[in-house]
Amino acid sequence: MLTFESSGSFSNIESFLKNASKRNILSLLEGYGSQGVAALSVATPADSGLTAASWNFEVEEVKGSYTITWTNSNVVNGVPIAIILQYGHGTGTGGYVEGRDYINPVMKPIFDKIEADVWKAVTSG
């Protein structure tokens, strides 16, 4: 029979482990943020190339919840060009330009990897 006894607090080690876990998750998300930017840049329909070159990402942690957001800064007259390429838009002459789903197909594998790696990070202790 093996018995352990301890006295005092484990707050220092708990704090250390929590911070180490947080760094792992943030590091994972930063890496996937960059992968997403690269994938979106390659997949973006390119007339001028400006929209493809305008992808970026942000990673945030608020109260233990993590968010990764991909953004595109190419906005013309208040219109986000990446969005109208994705979903389509009306023209000034009454026509319609159909959108092309270029975001979802390239991001799905990245989302799947994020899910698997973050799950592994939070369950491996």
Protein backbone atom coordinates (compact mmCIF):
# COMPACT_ATOMS: atom_id res chain seq x y z
CA MET A 1 0.00 0.00 0.00
CA LEU A 2 1.24 3.45 -0.95
CA THR A 3 0.05 6.57 0.84
CA PHE A 4 0.77 10.21 0.08
CA GLU A 5 0.20 13.07 2.44
CA SER A 6 0.71 16.72 1.78
CA SER A 7 0.10 19.96 3.50
CA GLY A 8 -0.13 23.42 2.15
CA SER A 9 -1.43 24.63 -1.17
CA PHE A 10 -1.04 23.48 -4.73
CA SER A 11 -1.98 26.91 -6.10
CA ASN A 12 1.50 27.59 -7.54
CA ILE A 13 1.61 24.36 -9.54
CA GLU A 14 -2.02 24.77 -10.62
CA SER A 15 -1.25 28.29 -11.82
CA PHE A 16 1.84 27.06 -13.66
CA LEU A 17 -0.07 24.27 -15.40
CA LYS A 18 -2.93 26.58 -16.36
CA ASN A 19 -0.52 29.13 -17.86
CA ALA A 20 1.41 26.43 -19.72
CA SER A 21 -1.82 25.10 -21.19
CA LYS A 22 -2.87 28.61 -22.22
CA ARG A 23 0.47 29.19 -23.99
CA ASN A 24 0.09 25.89 -25.86
CA ILE A 25 -3.37 26.80 -27.11
CA LEU A 26 -2.37 30.35 -28.09
CA SER A 27 0.69 29.01 -29.90
CA LEU A 28 -1.44 26.46 -31.76
CA LEU A 29 -3.94 29.11 -32.81
CA GLU A 30 -1.21 31.52 -33.95
CA GLY A 31 0.18 28.78 -36.21
CA TYR A 32 -3.22 27.96 -37.62
CA GLY A 33 -3.93 31.66 -38.10
CA SER A 34 -0.92 31.88 -40.39
CA GLN A 35 -1.95 28.71 -42.24
CA GLY A 36 -5.42 30.14 -42.77
CA VAL A 37 -4.02 33.38 -44.17
CA ALA A 38 -1.83 31.44 -46.59
CA ALA A 39 -4.71 29.19 -47.70
CA LEU A 40 -7.12 32.10 -48.14
CA SER A 41 -4.54 34.10 -50.08
CA VAL A 42 -4.00 31.27 -52.54
CA ALA A 43 -7.72 30.51 -52.92
CA THR A 44 -8.96 34.10 -53.33
CA PRO A 45 -10.04 34.86 -56.90
CA ALA A 46 -7.49 37.35 -58.15
CA ASP A 47 -8.14 40.12 -60.61
CA SER A 48 -5.83 42.65 -59.01
CA GLY A 49 -4.41 40.45 -56.27
CA LEU A 50 -5.18 43.07 -53.63
CA THR A 51 -7.90 41.02 -51.91
CA ALA A 52 -5.68 37.93 -51.82
CA ALA A 53 -2.89 39.99 -50.24
CA SER A 54 -5.21 41.58 -47.66
CA TRP A 55 -5.88 38.57 -45.39
CA ASN A 56 -4.84 38.66 -41.74
CA PHE A 57 -5.84 37.03 -38.46
CA GLU A 58 -6.25 37.82 -34.76
CA VAL A 59 -6.17 35.44 -31.80
CA GLU A 60 -7.87 36.49 -28.56
CA GLU A 61 -8.31 34.91 -25.15
CA VAL A 62 -11.07 36.26 -22.95
CA LYS A 63 -11.96 34.56 -19.67
CA GLY A 64 -10.57 31.19 -20.77
CA SER A 65 -12.31 31.28 -24.16
CA TYR A 66 -10.17 31.47 -27.29
CA THR A 67 -11.15 33.03 -30.60
CA ILE A 68 -9.34 33.11 -33.91
CA THR A 69 -10.67 35.54 -36.49
CA TRP A 70 -9.55 35.89 -40.08
CA THR A 71 -10.00 39.32 -41.61
CA ASN A 72 -9.63 40.91 -45.00
CA SER A 73 -8.85 44.62 -45.17
CA ASN A 74 -9.71 45.20 -48.84
CA VAL A 75 -12.81 47.37 -48.53
CA VAL A 76 -13.92 49.60 -51.41
CA ASN A 77 -16.56 52.27 -50.75
CA GLY A 78 -17.59 50.41 -47.60
CA VAL A 79 -17.92 47.08 -49.43
CA PRO A 80 -15.77 44.17 -48.20
CA ILE A 81 -14.48 42.70 -51.45
CA ALA A 82 -13.73 39.23 -50.00
CA ILE A 83 -17.40 38.92 -48.96
CA ILE A 84 -18.86 39.90 -52.32
CA LEU A 85 -16.48 37.50 -54.05
CA GLN A 86 -17.79 34.75 -51.74
CA TYR A 87 -21.51 35.55 -51.86
CA GLY A 88 -22.00 37.53 -55.06
CA HIS A 89 -23.31 41.04 -55.67
CA GLY A 90 -25.48 43.21 -57.83
CA THR A 91 -23.94 45.46 -60.44
CA GLY A 92 -24.64 49.13 -61.03
CA THR A 93 -26.42 48.24 -64.30
CA GLY A 94 -28.91 45.81 -62.78
CA GLY A 95 -26.94 42.65 -63.36
CA TYR A 96 -25.71 40.13 -60.86
CA VAL A 97 -22.28 38.59 -60.38
CA GLU A 98 -22.56 35.16 -58.79
CA GLY A 99 -20.37 34.44 -55.81
CA ARG A 100 -17.82 31.67 -55.63
CA ASP A 101 -17.38 29.60 -52.46
CA TYR A 102 -13.65 29.86 -52.08
CA ILE A 103 -13.44 30.34 -48.30
CA ASN A 104 -15.18 27.25 -46.89
CA PRO A 105 -13.33 24.57 -48.90
CA VAL A 106 -9.86 25.83 -47.90
CA MET A 107 -10.76 26.54 -44.28
CA LYS A 108 -12.53 23.24 -43.48
CA PRO A 109 -9.31 21.18 -43.21
CA ILE A 110 -7.76 23.89 -41.03
CA PHE A 111 -10.82 23.96 -38.74
CA ASP A 112 -10.62 20.18 -38.43
CA LYS A 113 -6.92 20.36 -37.48
CA ILE A 114 -7.60 23.10 -34.93
CA GLU A 115 -10.32 21.02 -33.34
CA ALA A 116 -8.11 17.93 -33.08
CA ASP A 117 -5.00 19.74 -31.83
CA VAL A 118 -6.78 21.90 -29.26
CA TRP A 119 -8.65 18.87 -27.96
CA LYS A 120 -5.32 17.06 -27.64
CA ALA A 121 -3.76 20.05 -25.85
CA VAL A 122 -6.53 20.39 -23.26
CA THR A 123 -6.87 16.67 -22.56
CA SER A 124 -3.20 15.70 -22.40
CA GLY A 125 -2.51 17.63 -19.16
